[in-house]
Amino acid sequence: MAVVLSARELTRHYEVSRGLFKGHALVRALNGVSFELEAGKTLAVVGESGCGKST
């Protein structure tokens, strides 16, 4: 089947506060994710409420 969507090495990191005196921490939400979606296939994004699926 034909590939209708292809992604390679997706990376998304977030900087989050650890408190007033501790600085920031890095959260690696995606780190080198790749996929191909073929015509007629379904891709689902699954996660807890508020975990950033739409981001």
PDB file of N, CA and C in Angstrom:
ATOM      1  N   MET A   1       0.839  -1.198   0.000  1.00  0.00           N
ATOM      2  CA  MET A   1       0.000   0.000   0.000  1.00  0.00           C
ATOM      3  C   MET A   1       0.878   1.252   0.000  1.00  0.00           C
ATOM      4  N   ALA A   2       0.287   2.355  -0.394  1.00  0.00           N
ATOM      5  CA  ALA A   2       1.007   3.620  -0.463  1.00  0.00           C
ATOM      6  C   ALA A   2       1.139   4.247   0.920  1.00  0.00           C
ATOM      7  N   VAL A   3       2.289   4.818   1.193  1.00  0.00           N
ATOM      8  CA  VAL A   3       2.517   5.531   2.450  1.00  0.00           C
ATOM      9  C   VAL A   3       1.912   6.927   2.313  1.00  0.00           C
ATOM     10  N   VAL A   4       1.001   7.296   3.241  1.00  0.00           N
ATOM     11  CA  VAL A   4       0.358   8.611   3.190  1.00  0.00           C
ATOM     12  C   VAL A   4       0.943   9.576   4.219  1.00  0.00           C
ATOM     13  N   LEU A   5       1.656   9.037   5.212  1.00  0.00           N
ATOM     14  CA  LEU A   5       2.299   9.885   6.220  1.00  0.00           C
ATOM     15  C   LEU A   5       3.550   9.183   6.709  1.00  0.00           C
ATOM     16  N   SER A   6       4.649   9.918   6.717  1.00  0.00           N
ATOM     17  CA  SER A   6       5.915   9.353   7.171  1.00  0.00           C
ATOM     18  C   SER A   6       6.588  10.358   8.096  1.00  0.00           C
ATOM     19  N   ALA A   7       7.103   9.883   9.214  1.00  0.00           N
ATOM     20  CA  ALA A   7       7.826  10.743  10.154  1.00  0.00           C
ATOM     21  C   ALA A   7       9.105  10.027  10.566  1.00  0.00           C
ATOM     22  N   ARG A   8      10.187  10.766  10.665  1.00  0.00           N
ATOM     23  CA  ARG A   8      11.483  10.185  11.017  1.00  0.00           C
ATOM     24  C   ARG A   8      12.122  10.966  12.163  1.00  0.00           C
ATOM     25  N   GLU A   9      12.588  10.228  13.146  1.00  0.00           N
ATOM     26  CA  GLU A   9      13.385  10.785  14.246  1.00  0.00           C
ATOM     27  C   GLU A   9      12.713  11.984  14.931  1.00  0.00           C
ATOM     28  N   LEU A  10      11.410  11.867  15.214  1.00  0.00           N
ATOM     29  CA  LEU A  10      10.706  12.943  15.912  1.00  0.00           C
ATOM     30  C   LEU A  10      11.231  13.066  17.338  1.00  0.00           C
ATOM     31  N   THR A  11      11.460  14.293  17.752  1.00  0.00           N
ATOM     32  CA  THR A  11      11.943  14.560  19.101  1.00  0.00           C
ATOM     33  C   THR A  11      11.172  15.740  19.668  1.00  0.00           C
ATOM     34  N   ARG A  12      10.722  15.590  20.917  1.00  0.00           N
ATOM     35  CA  ARG A  12      10.043  16.699  21.604  1.00  0.00           C
ATOM     36  C   ARG A  12      10.451  16.660  23.066  1.00  0.00           C
ATOM     37  N   HIS A  13      11.163  17.691  23.486  1.00  0.00           N
ATOM     38  CA  HIS A  13      11.612  17.797  24.870  1.00  0.00           C
ATOM     39  C   HIS A  13      10.972  19.027  25.502  1.00  0.00           C
ATOM     40  N   TYR A  14      10.631  18.912  26.778  1.00  0.00           N
ATOM     41  CA  TYR A  14      10.035  20.011  27.529  1.00  0.00           C
ATOM     42  C   TYR A  14      10.916  20.350  28.718  1.00  0.00           C
ATOM     43  N   GLU A  15      11.061  21.627  28.974  1.00  0.00           N
ATOM     44  CA  GLU A  15      11.760  22.069  30.175  1.00  0.00           C
ATOM     45  C   GLU A  15      10.715  22.360  31.245  1.00  0.00           C
ATOM     46  N   VAL A  16      10.844  21.729  32.400  1.00  0.00           N
ATOM     47  CA  VAL A  16       9.878  21.912  33.485  1.00  0.00           C
ATOM     48  C   VAL A  16      10.600  22.399  34.735  1.00  0.00           C
ATOM     49  N   SER A  17       9.901  23.207  35.505  1.00  0.00           N
ATOM     50  CA  SER A  17      10.454  23.744  36.740  1.00  0.00           C
ATOM     51  C   SER A  17      10.487  22.668  37.814  1.00  0.00           C
ATOM     52  N   ARG A  18      11.577  22.621  38.578  1.00  0.00           N
ATOM     53  CA  ARG A  18      11.702  21.682  39.690  1.00  0.00           C
ATOM     54  C   ARG A  18      11.539  22.401  41.025  1.00  0.00           C
ATOM     55  N   GLY A  19      11.209  23.655  40.975  1.00  0.00           N
ATOM     56  CA  GLY A  19      11.059  24.432  42.200  1.00  0.00           C
ATOM     57  C   GLY A  19      11.886  25.697  42.119  1.00  0.00           C
ATOM     58  N   LEU A  20      11.678  26.556  43.069  1.00  0.00           N
ATOM     59  CA  LEU A  20      12.312  27.872  43.060  1.00  0.00           C
ATOM     60  C   LEU A  20      13.840  27.795  43.072  1.00  0.00           C
ATOM     61  N   PHE A  21      14.410  26.882  43.830  1.00  0.00           N
ATOM     62  CA  PHE A  21      15.865  26.836  43.989  1.00  0.00           C
ATOM     63  C   PHE A  21      16.543  25.665  43.276  1.00  0.00           C
ATOM     64  N   LYS A  22      15.781  24.813  42.639  1.00  0.00           N
ATOM     65  CA  LYS A  22      16.356  23.623  42.005  1.00  0.00           C
ATOM     66  C   LYS A  22      16.522  23.756  40.497  1.00  0.00           C
ATOM     67  N   GLY A  23      16.067  24.839  39.915  1.00  0.00           N
ATOM     68  CA  GLY A  23      16.230  25.022  38.476  1.00  0.00           C
ATOM     69  C   GLY A  23      15.211  24.248  37.663  1.00  0.00           C
ATOM     70  N   HIS A  24      15.643  23.796  36.496  1.00  0.00           N
ATOM     71  CA  HIS A  24      14.743  23.120  35.562  1.00  0.00           C
ATOM     72  C   HIS A  24      15.214  21.699  35.271  1.00  0.00           C
ATOM     73  N   ALA A  25      14.277  20.881  34.846  1.00  0.00           N
ATOM     74  CA  ALA A  25      14.572  19.516  34.405  1.00  0.00           C
ATOM     75  C   ALA A  25      14.071  19.364  32.976  1.00  0.00           C
ATOM     76  N   LEU A  26      14.653  18.442  32.257  1.00  0.00           N
ATOM     77  CA  LEU A  26      14.263  18.193  30.876  1.00  0.00           C
ATOM     78  C   LEU A  26      13.452  16.902  30.811  1.00  0.00           C
ATOM     79  N   VAL A  27      12.231  17.002  30.280  1.00  0.00           N
ATOM     80  CA  VAL A  27      11.381  15.832  30.084  1.00  0.00           C
ATOM     81  C   VAL A  27      11.436  15.470  28.608  1.00  0.00           C
ATOM     82  N   ARG A  28      11.817  14.246  28.314  1.00  0.00           N
ATOM     83  CA  ARG A  28      11.912  13.779  26.924  1.00  0.00           C
ATOM     84  C   ARG A  28      10.625  13.048  26.564  1.00  0.00           C
ATOM     85  N   ALA A  29       9.666  13.783  26.002  1.00  0.00           N
ATOM     86  CA  ALA A  29       8.370  13.192  25.650  1.00  0.00           C
ATOM     87  C   ALA A  29       8.502  12.273  24.437  1.00  0.00           C
ATOM     88  N   LEU A  30       9.249  12.699  23.442  1.00  0.00           N
ATOM     89  CA  LEU A  30       9.565  11.880  22.265  1.00  0.00           C
ATOM     90  C   LEU A  30      11.063  11.961  22.058  1.00  0.00           C
ATOM     91  N   ASN A  31      11.655  10.838  21.705  1.00  0.00           N
ATOM     92  CA  ASN A  31      13.098  10.841  21.498  1.00  0.00           C
ATOM     93  C   ASN A  31      13.447   9.864  20.373  1.00  0.00           C
ATOM     94  N   GLY A  32      13.468  10.374  19.146  1.00  0.00           N
ATOM     95  CA  GLY A  32      13.847   9.553  18.002  1.00  0.00           C
ATOM     96  C   GLY A  32      12.755   8.615  17.508  1.00  0.00           C
ATOM     97  N   VAL A  33      11.503   9.048  17.555  1.00  0.00           N
ATOM     98  CA  VAL A  33      10.376   8.216  17.123  1.00  0.00           C
ATOM     99  C   VAL A  33      10.184   8.340  15.610  1.00  0.00           C
ATOM    100  N   SER A  34      10.012   7.206  14.948  1.00  0.00           N
ATOM    101  CA  SER A  34       9.767   7.176  13.505  1.00  0.00           C
ATOM    102  C   SER A  34       8.583   6.264  13.215  1.00  0.00           C
ATOM    103  N   PHE A  35       7.810   6.604  12.173  1.00  0.00           N
ATOM    104  CA  PHE A  35       6.708   5.737  11.758  1.00  0.00           C
ATOM    105  C   PHE A  35       6.286   6.063  10.334  1.00  0.00           C
ATOM    106  N   GLU A  36       5.579   5.111   9.717  1.00  0.00           N
ATOM    107  CA  GLU A  36       4.953   5.300   8.411  1.00  0.00           C
ATOM    108  C   GLU A  36       3.510   4.844   8.518  1.00  0.00           C
ATOM    109  N   LEU A  37       2.601   5.623   7.959  1.00  0.00           N
ATOM    110  CA  LEU A  37       1.181   5.275   7.954  1.00  0.00           C
ATOM    111  C   LEU A  37       0.765   5.002   6.513  1.00  0.00           C
ATOM    112  N   GLU A  38       0.298   3.790   6.273  1.00  0.00           N
ATOM    113  CA  GLU A  38      -0.117   3.396   4.932  1.00  0.00           C
ATOM    114  C   GLU A  38      -1.592   3.695   4.716  1.00  0.00           C
ATOM    115  N   ALA A  39      -1.980   3.897   3.469  1.00  0.00           N
ATOM    116  CA  ALA A  39      -3.382   4.134   3.117  1.00  0.00           C
ATOM    117  C   ALA A  39      -4.236   2.986   3.646  1.00  0.00           C
ATOM    118  N   GLY A  40      -5.367   3.320   4.256  1.00  0.00           N
ATOM    119  CA  GLY A  40      -6.275   2.310   4.784  1.00  0.00           C
ATOM    120  C   GLY A  40      -5.950   1.850   6.189  1.00  0.00           C
ATOM    121  N   LYS A  41      -4.845   2.326   6.763  1.00  0.00           N
ATOM    122  CA  LYS A  41      -4.446   1.954   8.123  1.00  0.00           C
ATOM    123  C   LYS A  41      -4.805   3.075   9.087  1.00  0.00           C
ATOM    124  N   THR A  42      -4.814   2.770  10.378  1.00  0.00           N
ATOM    125  CA  THR A  42      -5.173   3.735  11.415  1.00  0.00           C
ATOM    126  C   THR A  42      -4.018   3.901  12.388  1.00  0.00           C
ATOM    127  N   LEU A  43      -3.779   5.136  12.789  1.00  0.00           N
ATOM    128  CA  LEU A  43      -2.778   5.445  13.808  1.00  0.00           C
ATOM    129  C   LEU A  43      -3.504   6.032  15.006  1.00  0.00           C
ATOM    130  N   ALA A  44      -3.264   5.504  16.189  1.00  0.00           N
ATOM    131  CA  ALA A  44      -3.901   6.005  17.405  1.00  0.00           C
ATOM    132  C   ALA A  44      -2.846   6.541  18.358  1.00  0.00           C
ATOM    133  N   VAL A  45      -3.145   7.666  18.973  1.00  0.00           N
ATOM    134  CA  VAL A  45      -2.299   8.231  20.019  1.00  0.00           C
ATOM    135  C   VAL A  45      -3.035   8.008  21.331  1.00  0.00           C
ATOM    136  N   VAL A  46      -2.421   7.260  22.235  1.00  0.00           N
ATOM    137  CA  VAL A  46      -3.074   6.854  23.474  1.00  0.00           C
ATOM    138  C   VAL A  46      -2.281   7.375  24.660  1.00  0.00           C
ATOM    139  N   GLY A  47      -2.996   7.884  25.661  1.00  0.00           N
ATOM    140  CA  GLY A  47      -2.335   8.344  26.881  1.00  0.00           C
ATOM    141  C   GLY A  47      -3.342   8.844  27.884  1.00  0.00           C
ATOM    142  N   GLU A  48      -2.857   9.104  29.077  1.00  0.00           N
ATOM    143  CA  GLU A  48      -3.714   9.593  30.147  1.00  0.00           C
ATOM    144  C   GLU A  48      -4.231  10.991  29.838  1.00  0.00           C
ATOM    145  N   SER A  49      -5.325  11.342  30.461  1.00  0.00           N
ATOM    146  CA  SER A  49      -5.893  12.674  30.320  1.00  0.00           C
ATOM    147  C   SER A  49      -4.874  13.713  30.779  1.00  0.00           C
ATOM    148  N   GLY A  50      -4.658  14.724  29.933  1.00  0.00           N
ATOM    149  CA  GLY A  50      -3.741  15.801  30.292  1.00  0.00           C
ATOM    150  C   GLY A  50      -2.275  15.494  30.076  1.00  0.00           C
ATOM    151  N   CYS A  51      -1.956  14.402  29.379  1.00  0.00           N
ATOM    152  CA  CYS A  51      -0.543  14.031  29.217  1.00  0.00           C
ATOM    153  C   CYS A  51       0.116  14.671  27.995  1.00  0.00           C
ATOM    154  N   GLY A  52      -0.634  15.423  27.177  1.00  0.00           N
ATOM    155  CA  GLY A  52      -0.038  16.126  26.051  1.00  0.00           C
ATOM    156  C   GLY A  52      -0.216  15.463  24.698  1.00  0.00           C
ATOM    157  N   LYS A  53      -1.215  14.631  24.551  1.00  0.00           N
ATOM    158  CA  LYS A  53      -1.430  13.932  23.273  1.00  0.00           C
ATOM    159  C   LYS A  53      -1.621  14.899  22.114  1.00  0.00           C
ATOM    160  N   SER A  54      -2.337  15.974  22.318  1.00  0.00           N
ATOM    161  CA  SER A  54      -2.600  16.908  21.221  1.00  0.00           C
ATOM    162  C   SER A  54      -1.387  17.772  20.911  1.00  0.00           C
ATOM    163  N   THR A  55      -0.440  17.856  21.801  1.00  0.00           N
ATOM    164  CA  THR A  55       0.771  18.637  21.573  1.00  0.00           C
ATOM    165  C   THR A  55       1.638  17.942  20.562  1.00  0.00           C
TER     166      THR A  55
END
